[in-house]
C-alpha atoms as a PDB file:
ATOM      1  CA  MET A   1       5.293  11.275  14.587  1.00  0.00           C
ATOM      2  CA  ALA A   2       2.129  13.211  13.772  1.00  0.00           C
ATOM      3  CA  LYS A   3      -0.467  11.666  11.502  1.00  0.00           C
ATOM      4  CA  GLN A   4      -1.021  13.162   8.066  1.00  0.00           C
ATOM      5  CA  VAL A   5      -3.776  12.851   5.481  1.00  0.00           C
ATOM      6  CA  PHE A   6      -2.758  11.089   2.280  1.00  0.00           C
ATOM      7  CA  THR A   7      -4.879  10.397  -0.771  1.00  0.00           C
ATOM      8  CA  LEU A   8      -4.067   7.034  -2.281  1.00  0.00           C
ATOM      9  CA  GLN A   9      -5.452   5.826  -5.593  1.00  0.00           C
ATOM     10  CA  VAL A  10      -5.930   2.093  -5.183  1.00  0.00           C
ATOM     11  CA  ASN A  11      -7.525  -0.073  -7.872  1.00  0.00           C
ATOM     12  CA  GLY A  12      -8.974   3.010  -9.533  1.00  0.00           C
ATOM     13  CA  TYR A  13     -10.572   4.485  -6.395  1.00  0.00           C
ATOM     14  CA  ASP A  14      -9.352   7.359  -4.240  1.00  0.00           C
ATOM     15  CA  TYR A  15      -8.980   6.769  -0.505  1.00  0.00           C
ATOM     16  CA  GLN A  16      -8.103   9.391   2.068  1.00  0.00           C
ATOM     17  CA  VAL A  17      -6.193   7.928   4.979  1.00  0.00           C
ATOM     18  CA  LEU A  18      -4.949   9.546   8.175  1.00  0.00           C
ATOM     19  CA  VAL A  19      -1.706   7.777   9.070  1.00  0.00           C
ATOM     20  CA  GLU A  20       1.823   8.358  10.262  1.00  0.00           C
ATOM     21  CA  PRO A  21       3.988   9.092   7.183  1.00  0.00           C
ATOM     22  CA  ASN A  22       6.423   6.334   8.150  1.00  0.00           C
ATOM     23  CA  ARG A  23       3.725   3.645   8.451  1.00  0.00           C
ATOM     24  CA  CYS A  24       4.271   0.599   6.260  1.00  0.00           C
ATOM     25  CA  LEU A  25       2.336   0.726   2.974  1.00  0.00           C
ATOM     26  CA  HIS A  26       1.281  -2.897   3.466  1.00  0.00           C
ATOM     27  CA  ASP A  27      -0.420  -2.007   6.760  1.00  0.00           C
ATOM     28  CA  VAL A  28      -2.116   1.062   5.295  1.00  0.00           C
ATOM     29  CA  VAL A  29      -3.640  -0.929   2.437  1.00  0.00           C
ATOM     30  CA  ARG A  30      -4.791  -3.785   4.686  1.00  0.00           C
ATOM     31  CA  GLU A  31      -5.865  -1.943   7.836  1.00  0.00           C
ATOM     32  CA  GLU A  32      -6.929   1.523   6.679  1.00  0.00           C
ATOM     33  CA  ILE A  33      -8.355   0.710   3.243  1.00  0.00           C
ATOM     34  CA  GLY A  34      -9.491  -2.839   4.043  1.00  0.00           C
ATOM     35  CA  LEU A  35      -7.968  -4.666   1.074  1.00  0.00           C
ATOM     36  CA  THR A  36      -6.645  -7.804   2.710  1.00  0.00           C
ATOM     37  CA  GLY A  37      -5.475  -9.735  -0.355  1.00  0.00           C
ATOM     38  CA  THR A  38      -1.969  -8.397   0.111  1.00  0.00           C
ATOM     39  CA  LYS A  39      -0.201 -10.631   2.613  1.00  0.00           C
ATOM     40  CA  GLU A  40       2.943 -10.158   4.661  1.00  0.00           C
ATOM     41  CA  GLY A  41       5.301 -13.086   4.499  1.00  0.00           C
ATOM     42  CA  CYS A  42       8.860 -12.284   5.452  1.00  0.00           C
ATOM     43  CA  GLY A  43       8.744  -8.558   6.284  1.00  0.00           C
ATOM     44  CA  THR A  44      12.086  -8.057   4.507  1.00  0.00           C
ATOM     45  CA  GLY A  45      10.976  -7.805   0.861  1.00  0.00           C
ATOM     46  CA  ASP A  46      12.351 -11.212  -0.116  1.00  0.00           C
ATOM     47  CA  CYS A  47       9.291 -13.452  -0.509  1.00  0.00           C
ATOM     48  CA  GLY A  48       6.998 -11.245  -2.661  1.00  0.00           C
ATOM     49  CA  ALA A  49       3.770 -12.049  -0.792  1.00  0.00           C
ATOM     50  CA  CYS A  50       3.171  -8.327  -0.213  1.00  0.00           C
ATOM     51  CA  THR A  51       3.708  -7.251  -3.832  1.00  0.00           C
ATOM     52  CA  LEU A  52       1.677  -4.284  -5.071  1.00  0.00           C
ATOM     53  CA  TRP A  53       1.980  -2.501  -8.396  1.00  0.00           C
ATOM     54  CA  MET A  54       2.745   1.218  -8.260  1.00  0.00           C
ATOM     55  CA  ASP A  55       2.378   2.895 -11.654  1.00  0.00           C
ATOM     56  CA  GLY A  56       2.672  -0.550 -13.210  1.00  0.00           C
ATOM     57  CA  GLU A  57       5.897  -1.531 -11.444  1.00  0.00           C
ATOM     58  CA  PRO A  58       5.961  -4.288  -8.796  1.00  0.00           C
ATOM     59  CA  VAL A  59       7.019  -3.166  -5.324  1.00  0.00           C
ATOM     60  CA  THR A  60       7.232  -4.948  -2.006  1.00  0.00           C
ATOM     61  CA  SER A  61       4.756  -3.091   0.176  1.00  0.00           C
ATOM     62  CA  CYS A  62       6.331  -4.306   3.416  1.00  0.00           C
ATOM     63  CA  LEU A  63       9.307  -2.035   2.619  1.00  0.00           C
ATOM     64  CA  GLY A  64       7.308   0.925   1.287  1.00  0.00           C
ATOM     65  CA  LEU A  65       5.813   3.732   3.326  1.00  0.00           C
ATOM     66  CA  GLY A  66       2.186   4.818   3.248  1.00  0.00           C
ATOM     67  CA  GLY A  67       3.109   8.342   2.214  1.00  0.00           C
ATOM     68  CA  GLU A  68       4.964   7.017  -0.828  1.00  0.00           C
ATOM     69  CA  GLY A  69       1.637   5.860  -2.250  1.00  0.00           C
ATOM     70  CA  GLU A  70       0.366   9.388  -2.757  1.00  0.00           C
ATOM     71  CA  GLY A  71       0.363  10.547  -6.366  1.00  0.00           C
ATOM     72  CA  VAL A  72       0.809   7.097  -7.903  1.00  0.00           C
ATOM     73  CA  GLU A  73      -1.635   4.472  -9.101  1.00  0.00           C
ATOM     74  CA  ILE A  74      -1.591   1.443  -6.819  1.00  0.00           C
ATOM     75  CA  THR A  75      -2.956  -1.916  -7.914  1.00  0.00           C
ATOM     76  CA  THR A  76      -3.492  -4.738  -5.449  1.00  0.00           C
ATOM     77  CA  ILE A  77      -4.309  -8.375  -6.102  1.00  0.00           C
ATOM     78  CA  GLU A  78      -7.999  -7.445  -5.784  1.00  0.00           C
ATOM     79  CA  GLY A  79      -7.560  -4.980  -8.641  1.00  0.00           C
ATOM     80  CA  LEU A  80      -6.296  -7.688 -10.982  1.00  0.00           C
ATOM     81  CA  ALA A  81      -9.569  -9.632 -10.852  1.00  0.00           C
END
């Protein structure tokens, strides 16, 4: 799948990332943006270690896609400090 540019608003900052649209949101936040506070535990959305907040709602980022982060406000554990 071809990479696409997405603009993600994370912790109040805009980041442009060039990723495959089906890439896991957890990986995009950790590897492309460099915010490593979000951890992957189970990879199935059961444990909650990868929880991010999208527009104020908790989501398991291991099940979300990077492209789904465009147009919403994402808050990571780093953004709660």
